[in-house]
């Protein structure tokens, strides 16, 4: 089994063993461009995310669509994992191939706790997606009233 299989199956012990034995697999990518960190965060596996973060991965690697781990959790609404990534130093302002950022995803899907977390950590609210919309524009489209945007 690969580390990606272990992550999908939440096999924490096997992930720990693989990372200890072969640290260079920390930033490898699968066929969709996901790294172990991207996959663990996307599935909302908090314990696996902590284990992977312990090994100091590149927090800002992007999948084939340009999404980072932080973008994925902002899309999914995993606030605790978003905080882990931010505390570890993830770049808040990376854009994907559509120009979306973690903040734009959080606003689009109305994940208010993640929005607050990003704003508290000085996310750039002026960034625009490929259609020219900022997070504030997305908030208006969603009918959200968000302080600070």
N, C-alpha and C. Protein backbone atom coordinates (compact mmCIF):
# COMPACT_ATOMS: atom_id res chain seq x y z
N UNK A 1 0.83 -1.19 0.00
CA UNK A 1 0.00 0.00 0.00
C UNK A 1 0.88 1.25 0.00
N UNK A 2 0.39 2.28 -0.65
CA UNK A 2 1.11 3.56 -0.68
C UNK A 2 0.70 4.41 0.52
N UNK A 3 1.43 5.47 0.74
CA UNK A 3 1.05 6.41 1.81
C UNK A 3 -0.33 7.00 1.51
N UNK A 4 -0.66 7.15 0.24
CA UNK A 4 -1.97 7.70 -0.13
C UNK A 4 -3.09 6.73 0.24
N UNK A 5 -2.85 5.44 0.05
CA UNK A 5 -3.83 4.43 0.48
C UNK A 5 -4.00 4.47 2.00
N UNK A 6 -2.87 4.58 2.70
CA UNK A 6 -2.93 4.64 4.16
C UNK A 6 -3.70 5.86 4.64
N UNK A 7 -3.53 6.98 3.98
CA UNK A 7 -4.26 8.19 4.36
C UNK A 7 -5.74 8.00 4.11
N UNK A 8 -6.10 7.48 2.95
CA UNK A 8 -7.52 7.24 2.64
C UNK A 8 -8.16 6.30 3.66
N UNK A 9 -7.38 5.33 4.15
CA UNK A 9 -7.88 4.34 5.11
C UNK A 9 -7.66 4.76 6.57
N UNK A 10 -7.16 5.97 6.77
CA UNK A 10 -6.87 6.52 8.10
C UNK A 10 -5.96 5.62 8.92
N UNK A 11 -4.98 5.04 8.28
CA UNK A 11 -4.03 4.15 8.96
C UNK A 11 -2.86 4.99 9.48
N UNK A 12 -3.06 5.58 10.63
CA UNK A 12 -2.10 6.50 11.22
C UNK A 12 -0.76 5.81 11.47
N UNK A 13 -0.80 4.60 12.01
CA UNK A 13 0.44 3.89 12.33
C UNK A 13 1.28 3.66 11.08
N UNK A 14 0.64 3.27 10.00
CA UNK A 14 1.38 3.02 8.77
C UNK A 14 1.94 4.31 8.17
N UNK A 15 1.17 5.40 8.25
CA UNK A 15 1.67 6.69 7.76
C UNK A 15 2.90 7.11 8.58
N UNK A 16 2.81 6.98 9.90
CA UNK A 16 3.95 7.32 10.77
C UNK A 16 5.17 6.50 10.38
N UNK A 17 4.97 5.22 10.20
CA UNK A 17 6.09 4.33 9.87
C UNK A 17 6.70 4.69 8.52
N UNK A 18 5.87 4.96 7.54
CA UNK A 18 6.37 5.31 6.20
C UNK A 18 7.13 6.63 6.22
N UNK A 19 6.62 7.62 6.95
CA UNK A 19 7.31 8.91 7.02
C UNK A 19 8.63 8.79 7.77
N UNK A 20 8.67 7.96 8.79
CA UNK A 20 9.91 7.77 9.54
C UNK A 20 10.96 7.03 8.70
N UNK A 21 10.51 6.05 7.93
CA UNK A 21 11.43 5.24 7.14
C UNK A 21 11.86 5.91 5.84
N UNK A 22 10.96 6.68 5.26
CA UNK A 22 11.20 7.28 3.94
C UNK A 22 10.73 8.73 3.94
N UNK A 23 11.44 9.62 4.61
CA UNK A 23 10.98 11.01 4.73
C UNK A 23 10.78 11.73 3.40
N UNK A 24 11.46 11.27 2.35
CA UNK A 24 11.32 11.96 1.05
C UNK A 24 9.93 11.81 0.44
N UNK A 25 9.10 10.91 0.99
CA UNK A 25 7.73 10.77 0.45
C UNK A 25 6.80 11.88 0.96
N UNK A 26 7.30 12.71 1.82
CA UNK A 26 6.48 13.77 2.43
C UNK A 26 5.84 14.69 1.40
N UNK A 27 6.57 15.01 0.34
CA UNK A 27 6.07 15.97 -0.65
C UNK A 27 5.84 15.35 -2.03
N UNK A 28 5.77 14.01 -2.10
CA UNK A 28 5.46 13.39 -3.40
C UNK A 28 4.00 13.65 -3.75
N UNK A 29 3.69 13.50 -5.02
CA UNK A 29 2.32 13.73 -5.48
C UNK A 29 1.75 12.47 -6.13
N UNK A 30 0.45 12.27 -5.96
CA UNK A 30 -0.23 11.18 -6.63
C UNK A 30 -0.67 11.64 -8.02
N UNK A 31 -1.43 10.83 -8.73
CA UNK A 31 -1.81 11.15 -10.10
C UNK A 31 -2.67 12.41 -10.21
N UNK A 32 -3.33 12.83 -9.14
CA UNK A 32 -4.13 14.05 -9.16
C UNK A 32 -3.36 15.26 -8.64
N UNK A 33 -2.11 15.02 -8.32
CA UNK A 33 -1.27 16.11 -7.83
C UNK A 33 -1.37 16.35 -6.34
N UNK A 34 -2.04 15.44 -5.64
CA UNK A 34 -2.16 15.59 -4.19
C UNK A 34 -0.92 15.08 -3.48
N UNK A 35 -0.47 15.83 -2.50
CA UNK A 35 0.59 15.39 -1.60
C UNK A 35 -0.08 14.68 -0.42
N UNK A 36 0.69 14.02 0.42
CA UNK A 36 0.09 13.44 1.63
C UNK A 36 -0.67 14.49 2.46
N UNK A 37 -0.10 15.69 2.59
CA UNK A 37 -0.79 16.74 3.35
C UNK A 37 -2.09 17.14 2.68
N UNK A 38 -2.07 17.37 1.38
CA UNK A 38 -3.29 17.74 0.67
C UNK A 38 -4.38 16.70 0.86
N UNK A 39 -4.02 15.43 0.75
CA UNK A 39 -5.01 14.36 0.86
C UNK A 39 -5.55 14.24 2.28
N UNK A 40 -4.67 14.28 3.26
CA UNK A 40 -5.11 14.17 4.66
C UNK A 40 -6.04 15.31 5.04
N UNK A 41 -5.70 16.52 4.62
CA UNK A 41 -6.55 17.67 4.96
C UNK A 41 -7.86 17.62 4.21
N UNK A 42 -7.83 17.22 2.95
CA UNK A 42 -9.05 17.17 2.14
C UNK A 42 -10.07 16.20 2.75
N UNK A 43 -9.57 15.10 3.28
CA UNK A 43 -10.46 14.12 3.91
C UNK A 43 -10.81 14.48 5.35
N UNK A 44 -10.25 15.56 5.85
CA UNK A 44 -10.57 16.01 7.20
C UNK A 44 -9.94 15.16 8.29
N UNK A 45 -8.84 14.50 7.98
CA UNK A 45 -8.17 13.64 8.95
C UNK A 45 -7.23 14.46 9.83
N UNK A 46 -7.75 14.91 10.95
CA UNK A 46 -7.00 15.80 11.82
C UNK A 46 -5.74 15.14 12.39
N UNK A 47 -5.86 13.90 12.86
CA UNK A 47 -4.69 13.23 13.45
C UNK A 47 -3.60 13.01 12.40
N UNK A 48 -3.99 12.61 11.21
CA UNK A 48 -3.00 12.43 10.14
C UNK A 48 -2.38 13.75 9.74
N UNK A 49 -3.19 14.79 9.70
CA UNK A 49 -2.67 16.12 9.37
C UNK A 49 -1.61 16.53 10.39
N UNK A 50 -1.89 16.33 11.67
CA UNK A 50 -0.91 16.67 12.71
C UNK A 50 0.37 15.88 12.53
N UNK A 51 0.24 14.61 12.23
CA UNK A 51 1.43 13.76 12.04
C UNK A 51 2.25 14.26 10.86
N UNK A 52 1.60 14.56 9.76
CA UNK A 52 2.31 15.04 8.57
C UNK A 52 2.95 16.39 8.84
N UNK A 53 2.23 17.29 9.51
CA UNK A 53 2.78 18.61 9.84
C UNK A 53 4.01 18.48 10.73
N UNK A 54 4.03 17.49 11.60
CA UNK A 54 5.18 17.25 12.48
C UNK A 54 6.47 17.05 11.67
N UNK A 55 6.34 16.55 10.45
CA UNK A 55 7.49 16.27 9.60
C UNK A 55 7.88 17.46 8.71
N UNK A 56 7.18 18.59 8.86
CA UNK A 56 7.50 19.84 8.16
C UNK A 56 7.40 19.73 6.62
N UNK A 57 6.21 19.42 6.12
CA UNK A 57 6.04 19.36 4.66
C UNK A 57 6.01 20.76 4.06
N UNK A 58 6.10 20.82 2.75
CA UNK A 58 5.87 22.09 2.04
C UNK A 58 4.37 22.34 2.12
N UNK A 59 3.97 23.33 2.88
CA UNK A 59 2.56 23.60 3.15
C UNK A 59 1.80 24.13 1.94
N UNK A 60 2.52 24.66 0.99
CA UNK A 60 1.87 25.39 -0.11
C UNK A 60 1.94 24.69 -1.46
N UNK A 61 2.31 23.41 -1.47
CA UNK A 61 2.29 22.69 -2.74
C UNK A 61 0.85 22.63 -3.25
N UNK A 62 0.71 22.70 -4.56
CA UNK A 62 -0.62 22.76 -5.18
C UNK A 62 -0.89 21.49 -5.99
N UNK A 63 -2.16 21.09 -6.03
CA UNK A 63 -2.56 19.95 -6.85
C UNK A 63 -2.68 20.39 -8.31
N UNK A 64 -3.17 19.52 -9.16
CA UNK A 64 -3.23 19.83 -10.60
C UNK A 64 -4.17 21.00 -10.92
N UNK A 65 -5.08 21.33 -10.01
CA UNK A 65 -5.96 22.49 -10.21
C UNK A 65 -5.43 23.74 -9.52
N UNK A 66 -4.29 23.61 -8.88
CA UNK A 66 -3.69 24.75 -8.20
C UNK A 66 -4.14 24.94 -6.77
N UNK A 67 -4.89 23.97 -6.23
CA UNK A 67 -5.38 24.08 -4.86
C UNK A 67 -4.33 23.66 -3.85
N UNK A 68 -4.26 24.40 -2.75
CA UNK A 68 -3.39 24.06 -1.63
C UNK A 68 -4.23 23.35 -0.56
N UNK A 69 -3.55 22.83 0.44
CA UNK A 69 -4.26 22.21 1.56
C UNK A 69 -5.19 23.21 2.23
N UNK A 70 -4.74 24.45 2.39
CA UNK A 70 -5.59 25.46 3.03
C UNK A 70 -6.83 25.76 2.19
N UNK A 71 -6.68 25.81 0.90
CA UNK A 71 -7.85 26.02 0.03
C UNK A 71 -8.85 24.88 0.20
N UNK A 72 -8.34 23.65 0.26
CA UNK A 72 -9.23 22.49 0.40
C UNK A 72 -10.03 22.53 1.68
N UNK A 73 -9.40 22.88 2.79
CA UNK A 73 -10.14 22.91 4.05
C UNK A 73 -11.08 24.11 4.12
N UNK A 74 -10.73 25.20 3.44
CA UNK A 74 -11.63 26.35 3.38
C UNK A 74 -12.87 25.99 2.57
N UNK A 75 -12.70 25.21 1.53
CA UNK A 75 -13.80 24.71 0.68
C UNK A 75 -14.69 23.76 1.48
N UNK A 76 -14.06 22.86 2.23
CA UNK A 76 -14.78 21.82 2.96
C UNK A 76 -15.33 22.30 4.31
N UNK A 77 -14.71 23.33 4.88
CA UNK A 77 -15.19 23.84 6.16
C UNK A 77 -14.54 23.22 7.38
N UNK A 78 -13.32 22.72 7.25
CA UNK A 78 -12.62 22.09 8.37
C UNK A 78 -11.82 23.14 9.14
N UNK A 79 -12.48 23.83 10.06
CA UNK A 79 -11.89 24.95 10.78
C UNK A 79 -10.66 24.56 11.59
N UNK A 80 -10.74 23.46 12.31
CA UNK A 80 -9.62 23.04 13.16
C UNK A 80 -8.38 22.79 12.32
N UNK A 81 -8.56 22.15 11.18
CA UNK A 81 -7.41 21.86 10.31
C UNK A 81 -6.91 23.16 9.67
N UNK A 82 -7.81 24.07 9.33
CA UNK A 82 -7.39 25.37 8.80
C UNK A 82 -6.48 26.07 9.80
N UNK A 83 -6.85 26.02 11.08
CA UNK A 83 -6.03 26.66 12.11
C UNK A 83 -4.66 25.98 12.21
N UNK A 84 -4.63 24.66 12.14
CA UNK A 84 -3.35 23.94 12.16
C UNK A 84 -2.44 24.40 11.02
N UNK A 85 -3.01 24.52 9.83
CA UNK A 85 -2.23 24.93 8.66
C UNK A 85 -1.74 26.37 8.79
N UNK A 86 -2.61 27.24 9.25
CA UNK A 86 -2.23 28.65 9.42
C UNK A 86 -1.15 28.78 10.48
N UNK A 87 -1.33 28.07 11.60
CA UNK A 87 -0.33 28.12 12.68
C UNK A 87 1.02 27.56 12.21
N UNK A 88 0.99 26.63 11.26
CA UNK A 88 2.23 26.05 10.74
C UNK A 88 2.89 26.95 9.70
N UNK A 89 2.17 27.99 9.25
CA UNK A 89 2.77 28.94 8.32
C UNK A 89 2.29 28.86 6.88
N UNK A 90 1.14 28.25 6.65
CA UNK A 90 0.61 28.17 5.28
C UNK A 90 0.38 29.57 4.72
N UNK A 91 0.67 29.73 3.44
CA UNK A 91 0.44 31.00 2.76
C UNK A 91 -1.07 31.18 2.56
N UNK A 92 -1.62 32.25 3.07
CA UNK A 92 -3.06 32.50 3.01
C UNK A 92 -3.52 33.02 1.66
N UNK A 93 -2.61 33.51 0.85
CA UNK A 93 -2.98 34.30 -0.32
C UNK A 93 -2.67 33.65 -1.67
N UNK A 94 -2.41 32.36 -1.70
CA UNK A 94 -2.18 31.69 -2.98
C UNK A 94 -3.49 31.56 -3.73
N UNK A 95 -3.43 31.72 -5.04
CA UNK A 95 -4.60 31.54 -5.91
C UNK A 95 -4.45 30.26 -6.72
N UNK A 96 -5.58 29.61 -7.01
CA UNK A 96 -5.53 28.42 -7.85
C UNK A 96 -5.71 28.80 -9.32
N UNK A 97 -5.91 27.81 -10.18
CA UNK A 97 -6.00 28.06 -11.62
C UNK A 97 -7.22 28.90 -12.01
N UNK A 98 -8.21 29.00 -11.12
CA UNK A 98 -9.38 29.86 -11.36
C UNK A 98 -9.28 31.18 -10.62
N UNK A 99 -8.14 31.40 -10.00
CA UNK A 99 -7.94 32.64 -9.25
C UNK A 99 -8.55 32.61 -7.85
N UNK A 100 -9.15 31.48 -7.47
CA UNK A 100 -9.77 31.38 -6.14
C UNK A 100 -8.68 31.27 -5.08
N UNK A 101 -8.98 31.82 -3.92
CA UNK A 101 -8.11 31.74 -2.76
C UNK A 101 -8.85 31.01 -1.65
N UNK A 102 -8.16 30.74 -0.56
CA UNK A 102 -8.82 30.12 0.59
C UNK A 102 -9.97 31.00 1.08
N UNK A 103 -9.77 32.30 1.11
CA UNK A 103 -10.82 33.20 1.57
C UNK A 103 -12.02 33.18 0.63
N UNK A 104 -11.77 33.19 -0.65
CA UNK A 104 -12.88 33.14 -1.61
C UNK A 104 -13.67 31.85 -1.43
N UNK A 105 -12.98 30.72 -1.23
CA UNK A 105 -13.69 29.46 -0.98
C UNK A 105 -14.49 29.52 0.32
N UNK A 106 -13.89 30.02 1.37
CA UNK A 106 -14.58 30.10 2.65
C UNK A 106 -15.84 30.95 2.55
N UNK A 107 -15.75 32.07 1.82
CA UNK A 107 -16.90 32.95 1.64
C UNK A 107 -17.95 32.28 0.75
N UNK A 108 -17.52 31.71 -0.35
CA UNK A 108 -18.45 31.08 -1.30
C UNK A 108 -19.28 30.00 -0.63
N UNK A 109 -18.66 29.26 0.29
CA UNK A 109 -19.37 28.17 0.95
C UNK A 109 -19.80 28.52 2.38
N UNK A 110 -19.75 29.81 2.70
CA UNK A 110 -20.26 30.36 3.96
C UNK A 110 -19.69 29.68 5.20
N UNK A 111 -18.40 29.40 5.19
CA UNK A 111 -17.73 28.84 6.36
C UNK A 111 -17.21 29.99 7.21
N UNK A 112 -18.12 30.54 8.01
CA UNK A 112 -17.85 31.79 8.73
C UNK A 112 -16.69 31.69 9.71
N UNK A 113 -16.51 30.55 10.36
CA UNK A 113 -15.39 30.43 11.31
C UNK A 113 -14.06 30.48 10.58
N UNK A 114 -14.00 29.91 9.39
CA UNK A 114 -12.76 29.97 8.61
C UNK A 114 -12.55 31.38 8.08
N UNK A 115 -13.61 32.04 7.68
CA UNK A 115 -13.50 33.43 7.24
C UNK A 115 -12.89 34.28 8.36
N UNK A 116 -13.43 34.14 9.57
CA UNK A 116 -12.94 34.90 10.71
C UNK A 116 -11.46 34.58 10.99
N UNK A 117 -11.13 33.31 10.92
CA UNK A 117 -9.75 32.88 11.15
C UNK A 117 -8.79 33.49 10.13
N UNK A 118 -9.19 33.47 8.87
CA UNK A 118 -8.35 34.06 7.82
C UNK A 118 -8.21 35.57 8.01
N UNK A 119 -9.31 36.24 8.30
CA UNK A 119 -9.27 37.69 8.50
C UNK A 119 -8.38 38.04 9.70
N UNK A 120 -8.50 37.27 10.77
CA UNK A 120 -7.68 37.50 11.97
C UNK A 120 -6.20 37.36 11.66
N UNK A 121 -5.89 36.55 10.66
CA UNK A 121 -4.49 36.31 10.31
C UNK A 121 -4.04 37.13 9.10
N UNK A 122 -4.76 38.21 8.84
CA UNK A 122 -4.36 39.21 7.83
C UNK A 122 -4.31 38.69 6.40
N UNK A 123 -5.31 37.92 6.02
CA UNK A 123 -5.43 37.48 4.64
C UNK A 123 -5.62 38.71 3.74
N UNK A 124 -5.15 38.63 2.52
CA UNK A 124 -5.30 39.73 1.57
C UNK A 124 -6.72 39.68 0.98
N UNK A 125 -7.55 40.65 1.35
CA UNK A 125 -8.94 40.66 0.90
C UNK A 125 -9.10 41.29 -0.48
N UNK A 126 -8.03 41.82 -1.04
CA UNK A 126 -8.13 42.50 -2.33
C UNK A 126 -7.93 41.56 -3.53
N UNK A 127 -7.54 40.31 -3.27
CA UNK A 127 -7.27 39.38 -4.38
C UNK A 127 -8.55 39.06 -5.15
N UNK A 128 -8.41 38.93 -6.46
CA UNK A 128 -9.56 38.68 -7.33
C UNK A 128 -9.42 37.33 -8.03
N UNK A 129 -10.56 36.67 -8.23
CA UNK A 129 -10.55 35.41 -8.96
C UNK A 129 -10.51 35.69 -10.46
N UNK A 130 -10.58 34.66 -11.28
CA UNK A 130 -10.47 34.80 -12.73
C UNK A 130 -11.61 35.63 -13.34
N UNK A 131 -12.73 35.73 -12.62
CA UNK A 131 -13.85 36.56 -13.09
C UNK A 131 -13.76 38.00 -12.58
N UNK A 132 -12.72 38.28 -11.83
CA UNK A 132 -12.51 39.64 -11.32
C UNK A 132 -13.20 39.92 -10.00
N UNK A 133 -13.71 38.88 -9.34
CA UNK A 133 -14.43 39.06 -8.08
C UNK A 133 -13.52 38.87 -6.87
N UNK A 134 -13.68 39.75 -5.89
CA UNK A 134 -12.98 39.61 -4.62
C UNK A 134 -13.84 38.77 -3.68
N UNK A 135 -13.29 38.46 -2.52
CA UNK A 135 -14.07 37.76 -1.50
C UNK A 135 -15.29 38.59 -1.10
N UNK A 136 -15.14 39.90 -1.06
CA UNK A 136 -16.29 40.77 -0.74
C UNK A 136 -17.39 40.64 -1.78
N UNK A 137 -17.00 40.55 -3.04
CA UNK A 137 -17.99 40.36 -4.11
C UNK A 137 -18.72 39.04 -3.93
N UNK A 138 -17.97 38.00 -3.58
CA UNK A 138 -18.58 36.69 -3.35
C UNK A 138 -19.51 36.73 -2.14
N UNK A 139 -19.13 37.48 -1.12
CA UNK A 139 -20.00 37.62 0.07
C UNK A 139 -21.32 38.25 -0.32
N UNK A 140 -21.27 39.28 -1.14
CA UNK A 140 -22.50 39.94 -1.60
C UNK A 140 -23.36 38.96 -2.40
N UNK A 141 -22.72 38.18 -3.28
CA UNK A 141 -23.45 37.20 -4.09
C UNK A 141 -24.11 36.12 -3.21
N UNK A 142 -23.47 35.81 -2.09
CA UNK A 142 -24.00 34.79 -1.17
C UNK A 142 -24.98 35.38 -0.15
N UNK A 143 -25.13 36.68 -0.17
CA UNK A 143 -26.02 37.33 0.80
C UNK A 143 -25.44 37.34 2.20
N UNK A 144 -24.13 37.31 2.28
CA UNK A 144 -23.46 37.32 3.58
C UNK A 144 -23.06 38.72 3.98
N UNK A 145 -23.16 38.99 5.23
CA UNK A 145 -22.65 40.23 5.78
C UNK A 145 -21.43 39.86 6.60
N UNK A 146 -20.25 40.18 6.08
CA UNK A 146 -19.04 39.75 6.75
C UNK A 146 -18.22 40.98 7.13
N UNK A 147 -18.02 41.15 8.42
CA UNK A 147 -17.21 42.26 8.91
C UNK A 147 -15.78 42.12 8.41
N UNK A 148 -15.22 43.21 7.98
CA UNK A 148 -13.83 43.21 7.58
C UNK A 148 -13.61 43.03 6.09
N UNK A 149 -14.65 42.62 5.36
CA UNK A 149 -14.47 42.44 3.92
C UNK A 149 -14.94 43.67 3.18
